[in-house]
Amino acid sequence: MSDLHKKVAILISGGGSNMVSLAKSMVGDHPGRPCLVLSNLPTAGGLQKAADMGIPTAVVDHRSFKGDREVFEEELISVIDAYAPDAIALAGFMRILTPKFITHYAGRMLNIHPSLLPKYKGLHTHQRAIEAGDAEGGCSVHEVTAELDDGPILGQARVPILPGDTPDDLAARVLVQEHRLYPAVLRRFLEGETEPLIL
């Protein structure tokens, strides 16, 4: 990795489809390069995908800490900081992070959320959008702050909600846009551009 590139650590808990789209985008004249893919679960499918792409991987299993979130996060920070990342991209990392962790990476951490924030923070976003009778759903990339799914919005992509849509139907349509939006926003973020990108 060239010193000219900014280093990006990507945190996952599952299959890592957004991680893959981010990693694949960081080539050529892209300002960033993936330096680490970390999961809180050793069974996360994305770890093997990252290894296959030549990206260093690590696991900090939250279950080993028996609910002691502070010690878990101290270990997370220790592992992440060994790679000296310039940015942290949360890509389906299913742990609520404490203000202490968030402050440590203030101004450097992004998250993707499957709703048009500020609507539907938290879980079950697609079901909630359908039940509310919304005409569209989508996804948002935002800077991570101490408030859950809050923080300045850096980009959004919208998709129509069609008659008869199930949450899974909508999730699949939104995921396609997540894979477009997150890489585009990350690139702009690493270039110092924080005006929201609307796809």
N, C-alpha and C. Protein backbone atom coordinates (compact mmCIF):
# COMPACT_ATOMS: atom_id res chain seq x y z
N MET A 1 0.85 -1.20 0.00
CA MET A 1 0.00 0.00 0.00
C MET A 1 0.88 1.25 0.00
N SER A 2 0.59 2.16 -0.90
CA SER A 2 1.38 3.38 -1.01
C SER A 2 1.07 4.32 0.14
N ASP A 3 2.08 5.08 0.55
CA ASP A 3 1.86 6.10 1.58
C ASP A 3 0.90 7.18 1.11
N LEU A 4 0.69 7.25 -0.21
CA LEU A 4 -0.20 8.27 -0.75
C LEU A 4 -1.67 7.93 -0.51
N HIS A 5 -1.92 6.67 -0.22
CA HIS A 5 -3.31 6.24 -0.04
C HIS A 5 -3.73 6.32 1.42
N LYS A 6 -4.99 6.69 1.61
CA LYS A 6 -5.56 6.68 2.95
C LYS A 6 -6.03 5.26 3.26
N LYS A 7 -5.82 4.85 4.50
CA LYS A 7 -6.13 3.49 4.91
C LYS A 7 -7.53 3.42 5.51
N VAL A 8 -8.28 2.41 5.07
CA VAL A 8 -9.67 2.27 5.50
C VAL A 8 -9.84 0.91 6.18
N ALA A 9 -10.32 0.93 7.42
CA ALA A 9 -10.69 -0.30 8.13
C ALA A 9 -12.20 -0.48 7.98
N ILE A 10 -12.62 -1.70 7.63
CA ILE A 10 -14.03 -1.99 7.40
C ILE A 10 -14.49 -2.99 8.45
N LEU A 11 -15.58 -2.66 9.17
CA LEU A 11 -16.10 -3.51 10.24
C LEU A 11 -17.39 -4.18 9.78
N ILE A 12 -17.45 -5.51 9.95
CA ILE A 12 -18.60 -6.29 9.48
C ILE A 12 -19.06 -7.26 10.57
N SER A 13 -20.28 -7.79 10.37
CA SER A 13 -20.76 -8.87 11.24
C SER A 13 -21.30 -10.05 10.45
N GLY A 14 -21.44 -9.89 9.12
CA GLY A 14 -22.08 -10.94 8.34
C GLY A 14 -21.35 -11.23 7.04
N GLY A 15 -22.15 -11.34 5.97
CA GLY A 15 -21.62 -11.75 4.68
C GLY A 15 -20.71 -10.75 4.01
N GLY A 16 -20.83 -9.50 4.40
CA GLY A 16 -19.88 -8.51 3.92
C GLY A 16 -20.09 -8.01 2.51
N SER A 17 -21.35 -7.97 2.03
CA SER A 17 -21.55 -7.54 0.64
C SER A 17 -21.17 -6.08 0.45
N ASN A 18 -21.48 -5.22 1.43
CA ASN A 18 -21.06 -3.82 1.31
C ASN A 18 -19.54 -3.70 1.44
N MET A 19 -18.93 -4.51 2.28
CA MET A 19 -17.47 -4.51 2.40
C MET A 19 -16.84 -4.83 1.05
N VAL A 20 -17.38 -5.84 0.36
CA VAL A 20 -16.83 -6.24 -0.93
C VAL A 20 -16.95 -5.08 -1.93
N SER A 21 -18.11 -4.41 -1.95
CA SER A 21 -18.27 -3.31 -2.90
C SER A 21 -17.32 -2.16 -2.57
N LEU A 22 -17.09 -1.91 -1.28
CA LEU A 22 -16.13 -0.86 -0.90
C LEU A 22 -14.71 -1.26 -1.32
N ALA A 23 -14.33 -2.49 -0.99
CA ALA A 23 -12.96 -2.93 -1.29
C ALA A 23 -12.69 -2.93 -2.79
N LYS A 24 -13.67 -3.41 -3.57
CA LYS A 24 -13.49 -3.45 -5.03
C LYS A 24 -13.38 -2.06 -5.62
N SER A 25 -13.98 -1.07 -4.96
CA SER A 25 -13.93 0.30 -5.50
C SER A 25 -12.58 0.97 -5.23
N MET A 26 -11.84 0.48 -4.23
CA MET A 26 -10.59 1.17 -3.81
C MET A 26 -9.40 0.69 -4.63
N VAL A 27 -9.44 1.03 -5.91
CA VAL A 27 -8.36 0.67 -6.84
C VAL A 27 -8.05 1.89 -7.70
N GLY A 28 -6.99 1.77 -8.48
CA GLY A 28 -6.66 2.84 -9.43
C GLY A 28 -6.41 4.16 -8.74
N ASP A 29 -7.12 5.19 -9.20
CA ASP A 29 -6.87 6.54 -8.66
C ASP A 29 -7.69 6.83 -7.40
N HIS A 30 -8.34 5.80 -6.85
CA HIS A 30 -9.11 5.99 -5.61
C HIS A 30 -8.15 6.40 -4.49
N PRO A 31 -8.54 7.38 -3.66
CA PRO A 31 -7.63 7.85 -2.60
C PRO A 31 -7.44 6.86 -1.46
N GLY A 32 -8.29 5.83 -1.37
CA GLY A 32 -8.21 4.91 -0.23
C GLY A 32 -7.83 3.51 -0.63
N ARG A 33 -7.40 2.75 0.37
CA ARG A 33 -7.14 1.32 0.21
C ARG A 33 -7.59 0.62 1.49
N PRO A 34 -8.22 -0.57 1.38
CA PRO A 34 -8.61 -1.29 2.59
C PRO A 34 -7.38 -1.81 3.32
N CYS A 35 -7.29 -1.54 4.62
CA CYS A 35 -6.14 -2.01 5.39
C CYS A 35 -6.52 -3.14 6.34
N LEU A 36 -7.85 -3.31 6.61
CA LEU A 36 -8.30 -4.31 7.58
C LEU A 36 -9.79 -4.54 7.40
N VAL A 37 -10.20 -5.82 7.50
CA VAL A 37 -11.61 -6.15 7.66
C VAL A 37 -11.72 -6.87 9.00
N LEU A 38 -12.51 -6.30 9.90
CA LEU A 38 -12.66 -6.84 11.25
C LEU A 38 -14.11 -7.22 11.49
N SER A 39 -14.31 -8.36 12.15
CA SER A 39 -15.66 -8.78 12.52
C SER A 39 -15.72 -9.08 14.01
N ASN A 40 -16.92 -8.91 14.56
CA ASN A 40 -17.17 -9.31 15.95
C ASN A 40 -17.62 -10.77 16.03
N LEU A 41 -17.69 -11.45 14.88
CA LEU A 41 -18.11 -12.86 14.86
C LEU A 41 -17.13 -13.65 13.99
N PRO A 42 -16.55 -14.72 14.52
CA PRO A 42 -15.61 -15.51 13.73
C PRO A 42 -16.27 -16.21 12.55
N THR A 43 -17.61 -16.36 12.61
CA THR A 43 -18.35 -17.05 11.54
C THR A 43 -18.78 -16.12 10.42
N ALA A 44 -18.46 -14.83 10.49
CA ALA A 44 -18.90 -13.87 9.47
C ALA A 44 -18.34 -14.27 8.10
N GLY A 45 -19.24 -14.46 7.15
CA GLY A 45 -18.82 -14.90 5.82
C GLY A 45 -17.90 -13.91 5.12
N GLY A 46 -18.01 -12.64 5.49
CA GLY A 46 -17.19 -11.62 4.84
C GLY A 46 -15.71 -11.76 5.12
N LEU A 47 -15.34 -12.44 6.21
CA LEU A 47 -13.91 -12.59 6.54
C LEU A 47 -13.18 -13.37 5.45
N GLN A 48 -13.79 -14.47 4.98
CA GLN A 48 -13.15 -15.26 3.92
C GLN A 48 -13.09 -14.47 2.62
N LYS A 49 -14.17 -13.71 2.35
CA LYS A 49 -14.17 -12.89 1.13
C LYS A 49 -13.04 -11.87 1.17
N ALA A 50 -12.83 -11.26 2.34
CA ALA A 50 -11.74 -10.28 2.48
C ALA A 50 -10.39 -10.96 2.31
N ALA A 51 -10.23 -12.12 2.94
CA ALA A 51 -8.96 -12.85 2.82
C ALA A 51 -8.68 -13.20 1.37
N ASP A 52 -9.73 -13.60 0.65
CA ASP A 52 -9.58 -13.95 -0.77
C ASP A 52 -9.16 -12.75 -1.60
N MET A 53 -9.49 -11.54 -1.12
CA MET A 53 -9.12 -10.31 -1.82
C MET A 53 -7.76 -9.78 -1.35
N GLY A 54 -7.13 -10.53 -0.42
CA GLY A 54 -5.81 -10.11 0.05
C GLY A 54 -5.82 -9.04 1.12
N ILE A 55 -6.96 -8.88 1.78
CA ILE A 55 -7.09 -7.85 2.82
C ILE A 55 -6.86 -8.51 4.18
N PRO A 56 -6.03 -7.93 5.05
CA PRO A 56 -5.86 -8.49 6.39
C PRO A 56 -7.20 -8.54 7.13
N THR A 57 -7.40 -9.61 7.91
CA THR A 57 -8.65 -9.76 8.67
C THR A 57 -8.34 -9.95 10.15
N ALA A 58 -9.33 -9.65 10.98
CA ALA A 58 -9.20 -9.85 12.42
C ALA A 58 -10.59 -10.10 12.99
N VAL A 59 -10.63 -10.79 14.12
CA VAL A 59 -11.88 -11.05 14.82
C VAL A 59 -11.71 -10.62 16.28
N VAL A 60 -12.67 -9.84 16.76
CA VAL A 60 -12.78 -9.59 18.19
C VAL A 60 -14.19 -10.04 18.56
N ASP A 61 -14.30 -11.25 19.07
CA ASP A 61 -15.60 -11.87 19.33
C ASP A 61 -16.23 -11.24 20.57
N HIS A 62 -17.31 -10.50 20.36
CA HIS A 62 -17.94 -9.79 21.48
C HIS A 62 -18.43 -10.75 22.57
N ARG A 63 -18.71 -12.01 22.17
CA ARG A 63 -19.25 -12.97 23.15
C ARG A 63 -18.21 -13.35 24.20
N SER A 64 -16.94 -13.19 23.86
CA SER A 64 -15.87 -13.52 24.82
C SER A 64 -15.81 -12.53 25.98
N PHE A 65 -16.47 -11.40 25.82
CA PHE A 65 -16.36 -10.34 26.83
C PHE A 65 -17.56 -10.31 27.77
N LYS A 66 -18.47 -11.27 27.58
CA LYS A 66 -19.60 -11.49 28.51
C LYS A 66 -20.32 -10.19 28.90
N GLY A 67 -20.62 -9.41 27.87
CA GLY A 67 -21.42 -8.20 28.12
C GLY A 67 -20.62 -7.00 28.58
N ASP A 68 -19.31 -7.13 28.75
CA ASP A 68 -18.50 -5.98 29.17
C ASP A 68 -18.11 -5.20 27.92
N ARG A 69 -19.00 -4.28 27.55
CA ARG A 69 -18.83 -3.55 26.29
C ARG A 69 -17.57 -2.71 26.29
N GLU A 70 -17.23 -2.17 27.46
CA GLU A 70 -16.05 -1.29 27.53
C GLU A 70 -14.76 -2.06 27.22
N VAL A 71 -14.63 -3.24 27.80
CA VAL A 71 -13.42 -4.04 27.55
C VAL A 71 -13.41 -4.54 26.10
N PHE A 72 -14.59 -4.92 25.59
CA PHE A 72 -14.71 -5.33 24.18
C PHE A 72 -14.21 -4.20 23.27
N GLU A 73 -14.66 -2.99 23.54
CA GLU A 73 -14.28 -1.88 22.68
C GLU A 73 -12.81 -1.50 22.84
N GLU A 74 -12.27 -1.66 24.03
CA GLU A 74 -10.83 -1.41 24.20
C GLU A 74 -10.02 -2.37 23.34
N GLU A 75 -10.48 -3.62 23.26
CA GLU A 75 -9.79 -4.60 22.41
C GLU A 75 -9.98 -4.26 20.93
N LEU A 76 -11.19 -3.83 20.58
CA LEU A 76 -11.45 -3.39 19.20
C LEU A 76 -10.48 -2.27 18.80
N ILE A 77 -10.40 -1.26 19.66
CA ILE A 77 -9.53 -0.11 19.37
C ILE A 77 -8.08 -0.55 19.24
N SER A 78 -7.66 -1.43 20.12
CA SER A 78 -6.28 -1.92 20.10
C SER A 78 -5.97 -2.60 18.77
N VAL A 79 -6.90 -3.45 18.30
CA VAL A 79 -6.68 -4.17 17.04
C VAL A 79 -6.73 -3.20 15.86
N ILE A 80 -7.74 -2.33 15.84
CA ILE A 80 -7.90 -1.39 14.72
C ILE A 80 -6.71 -0.45 14.64
N ASP A 81 -6.30 0.11 15.78
CA ASP A 81 -5.25 1.13 15.76
C ASP A 81 -3.89 0.57 15.34
N ALA A 82 -3.71 -0.74 15.46
CA ALA A 82 -2.47 -1.35 14.99
C ALA A 82 -2.30 -1.17 13.48
N TYR A 83 -3.42 -0.95 12.78
CA TYR A 83 -3.39 -0.74 11.32
C TYR A 83 -3.40 0.75 10.95
N ALA A 84 -3.50 1.62 11.94
CA ALA A 84 -3.46 3.08 11.75
C ALA A 84 -4.38 3.57 10.63
N PRO A 85 -5.67 3.23 10.68
CA PRO A 85 -6.56 3.65 9.59
C PRO A 85 -6.85 5.15 9.63
N ASP A 86 -7.06 5.69 8.44
CA ASP A 86 -7.50 7.09 8.33
C ASP A 86 -9.01 7.20 8.42
N ALA A 87 -9.70 6.10 8.12
CA ALA A 87 -11.16 6.09 8.16
C ALA A 87 -11.64 4.71 8.56
N ILE A 88 -12.82 4.68 9.19
CA ILE A 88 -13.48 3.44 9.58
C ILE A 88 -14.82 3.40 8.84
N ALA A 89 -15.09 2.30 8.15
CA ALA A 89 -16.37 2.14 7.47
C ALA A 89 -17.12 0.99 8.13
N LEU A 90 -18.24 1.31 8.77
CA LEU A 90 -19.10 0.27 9.34
C LEU A 90 -19.97 -0.27 8.20
N ALA A 91 -19.87 -1.57 7.96
CA ALA A 91 -20.59 -2.17 6.84
C ALA A 91 -21.34 -3.40 7.36
N GLY A 92 -22.47 -3.13 8.04
CA GLY A 92 -23.22 -4.23 8.65
C GLY A 92 -22.58 -4.72 9.93
N PHE A 93 -21.98 -3.80 10.69
CA PHE A 93 -21.39 -4.16 11.99
C PHE A 93 -22.49 -4.02 13.03
N MET A 94 -22.95 -5.16 13.55
CA MET A 94 -24.18 -5.17 14.34
C MET A 94 -23.94 -5.06 15.85
N ARG A 95 -23.11 -4.12 16.22
CA ARG A 95 -22.92 -3.82 17.64
C ARG A 95 -23.15 -2.33 17.85
N ILE A 96 -23.89 -2.00 18.92
CA ILE A 96 -24.05 -0.60 19.28
C ILE A 96 -22.73 -0.15 19.91
N LEU A 97 -22.20 0.94 19.41
CA LEU A 97 -20.90 1.44 19.90
C LEU A 97 -21.10 2.55 20.92
N THR A 98 -20.23 2.57 21.93
CA THR A 98 -20.38 3.57 22.99
C THR A 98 -19.77 4.90 22.55
N PRO A 99 -20.18 5.98 23.22
CA PRO A 99 -19.61 7.29 22.90
C PRO A 99 -18.08 7.30 23.00
N LYS A 100 -17.53 6.52 23.91
CA LYS A 100 -16.07 6.50 24.06
C LYS A 100 -15.40 6.01 22.78
N PHE A 101 -15.93 4.92 22.21
CA PHE A 101 -15.39 4.38 20.96
C PHE A 101 -15.58 5.38 19.83
N ILE A 102 -16.78 5.94 19.74
CA ILE A 102 -17.11 6.87 18.67
C ILE A 102 -16.23 8.11 18.75
N THR A 103 -16.00 8.61 19.97
CA THR A 103 -15.14 9.79 20.14
C THR A 103 -13.71 9.50 19.70
N HIS A 104 -13.26 8.27 19.93
CA HIS A 104 -11.88 7.90 19.55
C HIS A 104 -11.68 8.06 18.04
N TYR A 105 -12.75 7.79 17.27
CA TYR A 105 -12.65 7.88 15.80
C TYR A 105 -13.50 9.04 15.25
N ALA A 106 -13.74 10.04 16.07
CA ALA A 106 -14.60 11.15 15.65
C ALA A 106 -14.11 11.77 14.34
N GLY A 107 -15.06 11.98 13.44
CA GLY A 107 -14.74 12.59 12.16
C GLY A 107 -14.13 11.64 11.15
N ARG A 108 -13.97 10.36 11.55
CA ARG A 108 -13.33 9.39 10.65
C ARG A 108 -14.18 8.16 10.39
N MET A 109 -15.39 8.10 10.98
CA MET A 109 -16.17 6.87 10.93
C MET A 109 -17.49 7.09 10.19
N LEU A 110 -17.74 6.19 9.21
CA LEU A 110 -18.97 6.23 8.41
C LEU A 110 -19.80 4.98 8.68
N ASN A 111 -21.10 5.10 8.42
CA ASN A 111 -22.00 3.95 8.53
C ASN A 111 -23.01 4.03 7.40
N ILE A 112 -23.46 2.87 6.93
CA ILE A 112 -24.58 2.83 5.99
C ILE A 112 -25.79 2.26 6.70
N HIS A 113 -26.95 2.89 6.46
CA HIS A 113 -28.19 2.50 7.16
C HIS A 113 -29.29 2.34 6.12
N PRO A 114 -30.08 1.25 6.21
CA PRO A 114 -31.08 0.97 5.18
C PRO A 114 -32.40 1.71 5.34
N SER A 115 -32.32 3.03 5.46
CA SER A 115 -33.53 3.86 5.41
C SER A 115 -33.12 5.27 4.98
N LEU A 116 -34.12 6.08 4.69
CA LEU A 116 -33.86 7.48 4.35
C LEU A 116 -33.86 8.27 5.66
N LEU A 117 -32.72 8.26 6.32
CA LEU A 117 -32.62 8.98 7.59
C LEU A 117 -33.01 10.44 7.39
N PRO A 118 -33.64 11.07 8.39
CA PRO A 118 -33.80 10.61 9.78
C PRO A 118 -34.96 9.65 10.02
N LYS A 119 -35.62 9.17 8.97
CA LYS A 119 -36.68 8.18 9.17
C LYS A 119 -36.08 6.83 9.57
N TYR A 120 -36.77 6.12 10.44
CA TYR A 120 -36.53 4.71 10.70
C TYR A 120 -35.10 4.40 11.15
N LYS A 121 -34.70 5.04 12.22
CA LYS A 121 -33.44 4.65 12.85
C LYS A 121 -33.65 3.28 13.49
N GLY A 122 -32.55 2.56 13.69
CA GLY A 122 -32.66 1.25 14.33
C GLY A 122 -32.97 0.15 13.34
N LEU A 123 -33.73 -0.85 13.79
CA LEU A 123 -33.93 -2.08 13.03
C LEU A 123 -35.28 -2.10 12.29
N HIS A 124 -35.46 -3.13 11.45
CA HIS A 124 -36.71 -3.40 10.73
C HIS A 124 -37.15 -2.21 9.89
N THR A 125 -36.19 -1.58 9.26
CA THR A 125 -36.47 -0.33 8.53
C THR A 125 -37.42 -0.55 7.35
N HIS A 126 -37.24 -1.63 6.61
CA HIS A 126 -38.05 -1.83 5.41
C HIS A 126 -39.51 -2.13 5.78
N GLN A 127 -39.69 -2.95 6.79
CA GLN A 127 -41.04 -3.25 7.27
C GLN A 127 -41.74 -1.98 7.74
N ARG A 128 -41.00 -1.15 8.44
CA ARG A 128 -41.60 0.08 8.98
C ARG A 128 -41.98 1.04 7.85
N ALA A 129 -41.15 1.12 6.81
CA ALA A 129 -41.46 2.01 5.68
C ALA A 129 -42.70 1.52 4.94
N ILE A 130 -42.81 0.20 4.76
CA ILE A 130 -43.99 -0.36 4.07
C ILE A 130 -45.24 -0.14 4.91
N GLU A 131 -45.15 -0.42 6.21
CA GLU A 131 -46.32 -0.27 7.09
C GLU A 131 -46.78 1.18 7.18
N ALA A 132 -45.85 2.11 7.00
CA ALA A 132 -46.21 3.53 7.07
C ALA A 132 -46.84 4.02 5.76
N GLY A 133 -46.84 3.16 4.74
CA GLY A 133 -47.41 3.55 3.46
C GLY A 133 -46.51 4.49 2.65
N ASP A 134 -45.22 4.48 2.92
CA ASP A 134 -44.29 5.36 2.20
C ASP A 134 -44.24 4.98 0.73
N ALA A 135 -44.01 5.98 -0.11
CA ALA A 135 -43.89 5.74 -1.55
C ALA A 135 -42.50 5.26 -1.93
N GLU A 136 -41.53 5.55 -1.06
CA GLU A 136 -40.16 5.13 -1.38
C GLU A 136 -39.39 4.80 -0.11
N GLY A 137 -38.39 3.95 -0.30
CA GLY A 137 -37.44 3.63 0.74
C GLY A 137 -36.06 3.99 0.23
N GLY A 138 -35.04 3.48 0.90
CA GLY A 138 -33.70 3.78 0.43
C GLY A 138 -32.66 3.53 1.49
N CYS A 139 -31.52 4.17 1.29
CA CYS A 139 -30.41 4.00 2.22
C CYS A 139 -29.68 5.32 2.39
N SER A 140 -28.97 5.42 3.50
CA SER A 140 -28.23 6.64 3.83
C SER A 140 -26.84 6.27 4.32
N VAL A 141 -25.85 7.06 3.93
CA VAL A 141 -24.53 6.97 4.54
C VAL A 141 -24.36 8.22 5.40
N HIS A 142 -23.94 8.00 6.64
CA HIS A 142 -23.79 9.14 7.53
C HIS A 142 -22.51 9.02 8.34
N GLU A 143 -22.06 10.14 8.82
CA GLU A 143 -20.94 10.14 9.75
C GLU A 143 -21.46 9.64 11.10
N VAL A 144 -20.69 8.83 11.78
CA VAL A 144 -21.14 8.24 13.04
C VAL A 144 -20.91 9.23 14.18
N THR A 145 -21.98 9.47 14.93
CA THR A 145 -21.89 10.28 16.15
C THR A 145 -22.49 9.45 17.28
N ALA A 146 -22.49 10.00 18.47
CA ALA A 146 -22.91 9.23 19.65
C ALA A 146 -24.37 8.84 19.61
N GLU A 147 -25.21 9.56 18.86
CA GLU A 147 -26.62 9.19 18.75
C GLU A 147 -26.78 8.11 17.70
N LEU A 148 -27.58 7.06 17.99
CA LEU A 148 -27.76 5.95 17.06
C LEU A 148 -28.33 6.43 15.73
N ASP A 149 -27.65 6.03 14.63
CA ASP A 149 -28.11 6.34 13.27
C ASP A 149 -28.38 7.83 13.10
N ASP A 150 -27.52 8.61 13.68
CA ASP A 150 -27.64 10.06 13.60
C ASP A 150 -26.37 10.55 12.91
N GLY A 151 -26.02 11.80 13.08
CA GLY A 151 -24.80 12.29 12.47
C GLY A 151 -25.06 12.84 11.08
N PRO A 152 -24.18 13.70 10.59
CA PRO A 152 -24.38 14.35 9.29
C PRO A 152 -24.56 13.32 8.17
N ILE A 153 -25.59 13.52 7.35
CA ILE A 153 -25.83 12.63 6.22
C ILE A 153 -24.90 13.01 5.08
N LEU A 154 -24.19 12.00 4.56
CA LEU A 154 -23.20 12.22 3.50
C LEU A 154 -23.72 11.75 2.15
N GLY A 155 -24.79 10.97 2.14
CA GLY A 155 -25.35 10.51 0.88
C GLY A 155 -26.61 9.71 1.08
N GLN A 156 -27.49 9.74 0.07
CA GLN A 156 -28.71 8.94 0.12
C GLN A 156 -29.05 8.44 -1.28
N ALA A 157 -29.67 7.28 -1.32
CA ALA A 157 -30.21 6.75 -2.57
C ALA A 157 -31.63 6.27 -2.30
N ARG A 158 -32.52 6.51 -3.24
CA ARG A 158 -33.93 6.19 -3.05
C ARG A 158 -34.38 5.11 -4.01
N VAL A 159 -35.32 4.30 -3.56
CA VAL A 159 -35.96 3.31 -4.45
C VAL A 159 -37.46 3.37 -4.20
N PRO A 160 -38.26 3.09 -5.24
CA PRO A 160 -39.71 3.08 -5.04
C PRO A 160 -40.13 1.88 -4.21
N ILE A 161 -41.18 2.07 -3.43
CA ILE A 161 -41.84 0.94 -2.77
C ILE A 161 -43.03 0.55 -3.65
N LEU A 162 -43.02 -0.68 -4.13
CA LEU A 162 -44.02 -1.12 -5.10
C LEU A 162 -45.18 -1.82 -4.41
N PRO A 163 -46.36 -1.79 -5.03
CA PRO A 163 -47.51 -2.50 -4.45
C PRO A 163 -47.17 -3.97 -4.22
N GLY A 164 -47.49 -4.48 -3.05
CA GLY A 164 -47.24 -5.88 -2.75
C GLY A 164 -45.82 -6.18 -2.28
N ASP A 165 -44.98 -5.16 -2.16
CA ASP A 165 -43.61 -5.38 -1.68
C ASP A 165 -43.61 -6.00 -0.29
N THR A 166 -42.76 -6.99 -0.10
CA THR A 166 -42.45 -7.48 1.25
C THR A 166 -41.19 -6.75 1.72
N PRO A 167 -40.89 -6.81 3.02
CA PRO A 167 -39.62 -6.22 3.48
C PRO A 167 -38.42 -6.80 2.75
N ASP A 168 -38.46 -8.11 2.42
CA ASP A 168 -37.34 -8.72 1.70
C ASP A 168 -37.21 -8.17 0.29
N ASP A 169 -38.35 -7.95 -0.38
CA ASP A 169 -38.32 -7.36 -1.73
C ASP A 169 -37.65 -5.99 -1.68
N LEU A 170 -38.08 -5.19 -0.73
CA LEU A 170 -37.55 -3.83 -0.62
C LEU A 170 -36.07 -3.86 -0.23
N ALA A 171 -35.73 -4.77 0.69
CA ALA A 171 -34.33 -4.88 1.12
C ALA A 171 -33.42 -5.21 -0.06
N ALA A 172 -33.87 -6.11 -0.93
CA ALA A 172 -33.05 -6.51 -2.08
C ALA A 172 -32.84 -5.32 -3.02
N ARG A 173 -33.89 -4.54 -3.22
CA ARG A 173 -33.79 -3.38 -4.12
C ARG A 173 -32.89 -2.30 -3.51
N VAL A 174 -33.02 -2.12 -2.20
CA VAL A 174 -32.18 -1.12 -1.52
C VAL A 174 -30.71 -1.56 -1.53
N LEU A 175 -30.46 -2.85 -1.35
CA LEU A 175 -29.07 -3.33 -1.29
C LEU A 175 -28.30 -3.00 -2.57
N VAL A 176 -28.97 -3.09 -3.70
CA VAL A 176 -28.33 -2.72 -4.97
C VAL A 176 -27.84 -1.26 -4.91
N GLN A 177 -28.68 -0.40 -4.33
CA GLN A 177 -28.30 1.01 -4.22
C GLN A 177 -27.22 1.22 -3.15
N GLU A 178 -27.25 0.42 -2.08
CA GLU A 178 -26.20 0.53 -1.07
C GLU A 178 -24.83 0.29 -1.71
N HIS A 179 -24.78 -0.70 -2.60
CA HIS A 179 -23.51 -1.05 -3.24
C HIS A 179 -23.04 0.03 -4.20
N ARG A 180 -23.94 0.89 -4.65
CA ARG A 180 -23.56 2.06 -5.47
C ARG A 180 -23.18 3.24 -4.58
N LEU A 181 -24.01 3.46 -3.57
CA LEU A 181 -23.88 4.69 -2.77
C LEU A 181 -22.65 4.69 -1.88
N TYR A 182 -22.44 3.61 -1.14
CA TYR A 182 -21.38 3.61 -0.12
C TYR A 182 -20.00 3.85 -0.74
N PRO A 183 -19.63 3.14 -1.83
CA PRO A 183 -18.32 3.41 -2.42
C PRO A 183 -18.17 4.85 -2.90
N ALA A 184 -19.25 5.39 -3.48
CA ALA A 184 -19.18 6.77 -4.00
C ALA A 184 -18.99 7.77 -2.86
N VAL A 185 -19.71 7.55 -1.75
CA VAL A 185 -19.60 8.47 -0.61
C VAL A 185 -18.23 8.33 0.06
N LEU A 186 -17.75 7.09 0.21
CA LEU A 186 -16.45 6.90 0.84
C LEU A 186 -15.36 7.63 0.05
N ARG A 187 -15.39 7.50 -1.25
CA ARG A 187 -14.38 8.18 -2.07
C ARG A 187 -14.43 9.70 -1.83
N ARG A 188 -15.62 10.26 -1.89
CA ARG A 188 -15.77 11.71 -1.66
C ARG A 188 -15.30 12.09 -0.26
N PHE A 189 -15.64 11.27 0.72
CA PHE A 189 -15.25 11.56 2.10
C PHE A 189 -13.73 11.60 2.24
N LEU A 190 -13.06 10.63 1.63
CA LEU A 190 -11.59 10.60 1.70
C LEU A 190 -10.96 11.77 0.96
N GLU A 191 -11.70 12.33 0.02
CA GLU A 191 -11.23 13.51 -0.72
C GLU A 191 -11.59 14.81 -0.02
N GLY A 192 -12.27 14.68 1.16
CA GLY A 192 -12.62 15.87 1.93
C GLY A 192 -13.95 16.48 1.55
N GLU A 193 -14.75 15.76 0.78
CA GLU A 193 -16.05 16.28 0.31
C GLU A 193 -17.16 15.75 1.20
N THR A 194 -17.88 16.64 1.88
CA THR A 194 -18.92 16.19 2.80
C THR A 194 -20.31 16.69 2.40
N GLU A 195 -20.44 17.36 1.24
CA GLU A 195 -21.77 17.70 0.75
C GLU A 195 -22.53 16.41 0.45
N PRO A 196 -23.77 16.29 0.89
CA PRO A 196 -24.48 15.03 0.66
C PRO A 196 -24.58 14.68 -0.84
N LEU A 197 -24.32 13.43 -1.14
CA LEU A 197 -24.46 12.90 -2.49
C LEU A 197 -25.82 12.23 -2.59
N ILE A 198 -26.63 12.66 -3.54
CA ILE A 198 -27.96 12.07 -3.72
C ILE A 198 -27.98 11.30 -5.04
N LEU A 199 -28.16 10.01 -4.96
CA LEU A 199 -28.21 9.19 -6.17
C LEU A 199 -29.65 8.95 -6.58
